[in-house]
Amino acid sequence: MDYQEFDLLCNRLIECYQKMNDKAYYKTSPCSDEARIKAVEERIGITLPQQLREFFLNFSGCFEMYAFLPDEFCDALPKELKEIFAAQYVISLEEVENNEMIRRDWVSECFPDEDDEYDKVWHHKLGIIDVGNGDIISLDIGSNPYNPPVVYLSHEGDDSNGMILGKDFNSFLMDLILSGGCGMEDWQMMPFIPDSENGIDPNCENAATFRKLIGFDYE
């Protein structure tokens, strides 16, 4: 990933949100080092996939974006985008460790049966992002431990369980921002996911509409 370009896009996007809500913010922290990453890897017993490691080593130890859209803006959204109301997410080593532990708790307590079609989706993953409602955005390390796709884990029996959000970590992040930084809940991202196999598509009609409405021109 071109981190300089990504940072520029994030700053341009948050400027759009700040025009609607001055509490919106985007921030990063100093990069992590190998020692901190290896300590987390040892505690969870998993080597972080390459793109996630590089993100922490070369871009930021903690990435945060927060923006809530005004009610009057949300009320005027077209029906395809009505569920969107916020952009809010944190990606950090601490969050990865915490969310992986939460994923394991869900597996042991609620989704233990790998022979069950719903349960097995929760297995052989690495939890990375807390959605805020009990769901988890994860990396499918069972299918590819080095460069896994990003997968949504739903705890409520939703069809979004196992939905692919990006072909890999970098694609997910970039496409999320290019689509306007929609919220992490499945129903906020779904307008930008034409099918369950290819992830967020920043070139889809809904993404173009949402960018126009928030004034985000990344060209």
Protein backbone atom coordinates (compact mmCIF):
# COMPACT_ATOMS: atom_id res chain seq x y z
CA MET A 1 0.00 0.00 0.00
CA ASP A 2 1.08 3.56 -0.67
CA TYR A 3 0.72 4.85 2.90
CA GLN A 4 1.34 8.45 1.90
CA GLU A 5 -1.58 8.32 -0.52
CA PHE A 6 -3.74 6.53 2.04
CA ASP A 7 -2.99 9.17 4.69
CA LEU A 8 -3.82 11.94 2.22
CA LEU A 9 -7.15 10.32 1.39
CA CYS A 10 -8.01 9.91 5.08
CA ASN A 11 -7.26 13.56 5.75
CA ARG A 12 -9.35 14.69 2.78
CA LEU A 13 -12.22 12.45 3.87
CA ILE A 14 -12.24 13.66 7.46
CA GLU A 15 -12.25 17.27 6.25
CA CYS A 16 -15.56 16.47 4.53
CA TYR A 17 -16.99 15.04 7.74
CA GLN A 18 -15.70 17.96 9.82
CA LYS A 19 -17.74 20.35 7.69
CA MET A 20 -20.82 18.53 8.97
CA ASN A 21 -19.61 17.68 12.48
CA ASP A 22 -16.65 19.48 14.05
CA LYS A 23 -16.09 16.57 16.45
CA ALA A 24 -15.02 14.29 13.61
CA TYR A 25 -11.37 13.28 13.72
CA TYR A 26 -8.73 11.12 12.10
CA LYS A 27 -5.48 10.33 13.87
CA THR A 28 -2.55 7.96 13.84
CA SER A 29 0.12 7.14 16.40
CA PRO A 30 3.83 6.30 16.05
CA CYS A 31 4.55 3.00 14.35
CA SER A 32 4.99 -0.17 16.37
CA ASP A 33 8.27 -2.05 16.45
CA GLU A 34 9.07 -5.71 15.95
CA ALA A 35 9.34 -6.34 19.68
CA ARG A 36 5.80 -5.15 20.39
CA ILE A 37 4.39 -7.09 17.44
CA LYS A 38 6.19 -10.28 18.42
CA ALA A 39 4.96 -9.92 22.00
CA VAL A 40 1.36 -9.83 20.76
CA GLU A 41 2.01 -12.73 18.38
CA GLU A 42 3.39 -14.80 21.24
CA ARG A 43 0.42 -14.04 23.46
CA ILE A 44 -2.16 -15.00 20.82
CA GLY A 45 -0.08 -17.78 19.25
CA ILE A 46 -0.50 -16.40 15.73
CA THR A 47 1.93 -14.66 13.38
CA LEU A 48 0.22 -11.55 12.05
CA PRO A 49 -0.35 -11.63 8.29
CA GLN A 50 2.14 -9.62 6.27
CA GLN A 51 -0.01 -6.62 5.33
CA LEU A 52 -1.24 -6.14 8.89
CA ARG A 53 2.34 -6.33 10.22
CA GLU A 54 3.50 -3.79 7.63
CA PHE A 55 0.64 -1.46 8.56
CA PHE A 56 1.78 -1.37 12.18
CA LEU A 57 5.49 -1.20 11.32
CA ASN A 58 5.35 1.36 8.53
CA PHE A 59 2.19 3.42 8.94
CA SER A 60 0.69 3.57 12.43
CA GLY A 61 0.56 1.70 15.70
CA CYS A 62 -3.00 2.92 16.17
CA PHE A 63 -5.30 4.18 13.41
CA GLU A 64 -8.54 5.91 14.36
CA MET A 65 -11.35 7.57 12.44
CA TYR A 66 -14.51 8.91 14.03
CA ALA A 67 -17.41 10.82 12.50
CA PHE A 68 -21.13 10.90 13.16
CA LEU A 69 -23.36 12.37 10.48
CA PRO A 70 -25.99 14.95 11.46
CA ASP A 71 -29.56 13.68 11.70
CA GLU A 72 -30.76 16.06 9.00
CA PHE A 73 -28.12 14.71 6.61
CA CYS A 74 -29.05 11.09 7.34
CA ASP A 75 -32.76 11.85 6.97
CA ALA A 76 -32.13 13.16 3.45
CA LEU A 77 -30.11 10.14 2.27
CA PRO A 78 -31.60 8.02 -0.53
CA LYS A 79 -33.18 4.77 0.64
CA GLU A 80 -30.17 2.71 -0.53
CA LEU A 81 -27.98 4.60 1.96
CA LYS A 82 -30.45 5.18 4.80
CA GLU A 83 -28.61 2.95 7.27
CA ILE A 84 -25.39 4.99 7.12
CA PHE A 85 -24.87 7.34 10.03
CA ALA A 86 -21.22 7.15 11.06
CA ALA A 87 -17.62 6.33 10.31
CA GLN A 88 -16.01 4.91 13.42
CA TYR A 89 -13.14 2.42 13.72
CA VAL A 90 -9.89 1.69 15.49
CA ILE A 91 -7.06 -0.53 14.26
CA SER A 92 -4.22 -1.18 16.70
CA LEU A 93 -2.12 -4.00 18.12
CA GLU A 94 -4.10 -3.82 21.34
CA GLU A 95 -7.37 -4.04 19.43
CA VAL A 96 -6.14 -7.03 17.44
CA GLU A 97 -5.22 -8.88 20.61
CA ASN A 98 -8.48 -7.96 22.36
CA ASN A 99 -10.68 -8.82 19.39
CA GLU A 100 -8.95 -12.12 18.78
CA MET A 101 -9.61 -13.06 22.40
CA ILE A 102 -13.25 -12.02 22.00
CA ARG A 103 -13.53 -14.10 18.81
CA ARG A 104 -12.22 -17.13 20.67
CA ASP A 105 -14.74 -16.58 23.45
CA TRP A 106 -17.57 -16.45 20.89
CA VAL A 107 -16.29 -19.69 19.34
CA SER A 108 -16.07 -21.57 22.64
CA GLU A 109 -19.35 -20.28 24.05
CA CYS A 110 -21.63 -19.92 21.01
CA PHE A 111 -20.06 -21.29 17.81
CA PRO A 112 -18.13 -24.43 18.80
CA ASP A 113 -19.37 -26.79 16.06
CA GLU A 114 -17.10 -26.66 13.03
CA ASP A 115 -19.49 -28.99 11.21
CA ASP A 116 -22.26 -26.40 11.50
CA GLU A 117 -22.41 -24.07 8.49
CA TYR A 118 -22.83 -20.93 10.60
CA ASP A 119 -20.44 -21.87 13.40
CA LYS A 120 -17.55 -22.82 11.14
CA VAL A 121 -17.32 -19.28 9.75
CA TRP A 122 -16.01 -18.17 13.16
CA HIS A 123 -13.19 -20.71 13.15
CA HIS A 124 -9.63 -20.21 11.82
CA LYS A 125 -9.93 -16.43 11.75
CA LEU A 126 -8.01 -13.55 13.35
CA GLY A 127 -10.25 -10.92 14.92
CA ILE A 128 -8.93 -7.42 14.18
CA ILE A 129 -11.67 -4.78 14.42
CA ASP A 130 -14.49 -4.37 16.93
CA VAL A 131 -17.69 -3.46 15.12
CA GLY A 132 -19.29 -2.17 18.30
CA ASN A 133 -22.34 -4.44 18.34
CA GLY A 134 -20.67 -7.76 19.15
CA ASP A 135 -19.69 -8.53 15.57
CA ILE A 136 -16.04 -8.70 14.54
CA ILE A 137 -14.16 -7.89 11.35
CA SER A 138 -11.55 -10.58 10.88
CA LEU A 139 -8.84 -11.97 8.65
CA ASP A 140 -9.48 -15.43 7.22
CA ILE A 141 -6.11 -16.91 8.13
CA GLY A 142 -7.52 -20.40 7.64
CA SER A 143 -7.71 -19.83 3.91
CA ASN A 144 -4.45 -17.87 3.63
CA PRO A 145 -2.21 -17.20 6.66
CA TYR A 146 0.05 -14.78 4.76
CA ASN A 147 -2.37 -12.56 2.82
CA PRO A 148 -5.91 -13.43 3.93
CA PRO A 149 -9.19 -11.90 2.83
CA VAL A 150 -11.14 -9.72 5.27
CA VAL A 151 -14.33 -11.39 6.50
CA TYR A 152 -17.30 -10.21 8.57
CA LEU A 153 -18.28 -12.30 11.60
CA SER A 154 -21.88 -11.81 12.72
CA HIS A 155 -23.02 -13.20 16.07
CA GLU A 156 -26.75 -12.72 15.48
CA GLY A 157 -27.54 -15.22 12.72
CA ASP A 158 -27.35 -12.65 9.93
CA ASP A 159 -26.68 -13.45 6.28
CA SER A 160 -23.60 -11.22 6.55
CA ASN A 161 -21.77 -13.90 8.55
CA GLY A 162 -18.75 -14.81 6.42
CA MET A 163 -19.30 -11.95 3.96
CA ILE A 164 -16.03 -10.93 2.30
CA LEU A 165 -15.21 -7.24 2.84
CA GLY A 166 -11.94 -7.16 0.92
CA LYS A 167 -9.61 -9.51 -0.92
CA ASP A 168 -6.91 -8.58 1.61
CA PHE A 169 -6.28 -6.11 4.43
CA ASN A 170 -4.87 -3.32 2.23
CA SER A 171 -7.69 -3.57 -0.30
CA PHE A 172 -10.30 -3.48 2.45
CA LEU A 173 -8.85 -0.33 4.03
CA MET A 174 -8.34 1.53 0.78
CA ASP A 175 -11.74 0.60 -0.66
CA LEU A 176 -13.43 1.52 2.62
CA ILE A 177 -11.95 5.01 2.55
CA LEU A 178 -12.55 5.47 -1.18
CA SER A 179 -16.22 4.60 -0.60
CA GLY A 180 -16.52 7.40 1.95
CA GLY A 181 -15.48 5.62 5.13
CA CYS A 182 -18.84 4.05 5.93
CA GLY A 183 -19.41 2.57 9.38
CA MET A 184 -18.21 -0.86 10.42
CA GLU A 185 -21.60 -2.51 10.90
CA ASP A 186 -22.58 -4.92 8.14
CA TRP A 187 -25.72 -2.98 7.25
CA GLN A 188 -23.71 0.22 6.80
CA MET A 189 -21.21 -1.45 4.46
CA MET A 190 -23.69 -3.53 2.46
CA PRO A 191 -24.70 -0.69 0.07
CA PHE A 192 -21.10 -0.74 -1.17
CA ILE A 193 -20.80 -4.53 -1.49
CA PRO A 194 -22.45 -5.73 -4.71
CA ASP A 195 -21.88 -9.40 -3.84
CA SER A 196 -20.64 -11.47 -0.91
CA GLU A 197 -17.45 -12.65 -2.59
CA ASN A 198 -15.58 -9.54 -3.78
CA GLY A 199 -15.85 -7.03 -0.97
CA ILE A 200 -16.38 -3.28 -0.96
CA ASP A 201 -16.47 -1.75 -4.44
CA PRO A 202 -15.61 1.98 -4.44
CA ASN A 203 -16.66 2.15 -8.08
CA CYS A 204 -20.24 1.03 -7.47
CA GLU A 205 -23.13 3.45 -7.95
CA ASN A 206 -23.92 3.74 -4.24
CA ALA A 207 -20.31 4.67 -3.43
CA ALA A 208 -20.30 7.36 -6.13
CA THR A 209 -23.57 8.74 -4.74
CA PHE A 210 -22.34 8.78 -1.15
CA ARG A 211 -19.05 10.49 -2.07
CA LYS A 212 -20.97 13.20 -3.90
CA LEU A 213 -23.30 13.76 -0.97
CA ILE A 214 -20.45 14.20 1.55
CA GLY A 215 -18.35 16.22 -0.90
CA PHE A 216 -15.49 13.73 -1.07
CA ASP A 217 -13.61 14.10 -4.36
CA TYR A 218 -10.50 11.94 -4.32
CA GLU A 219 -9.53 12.35 -7.97
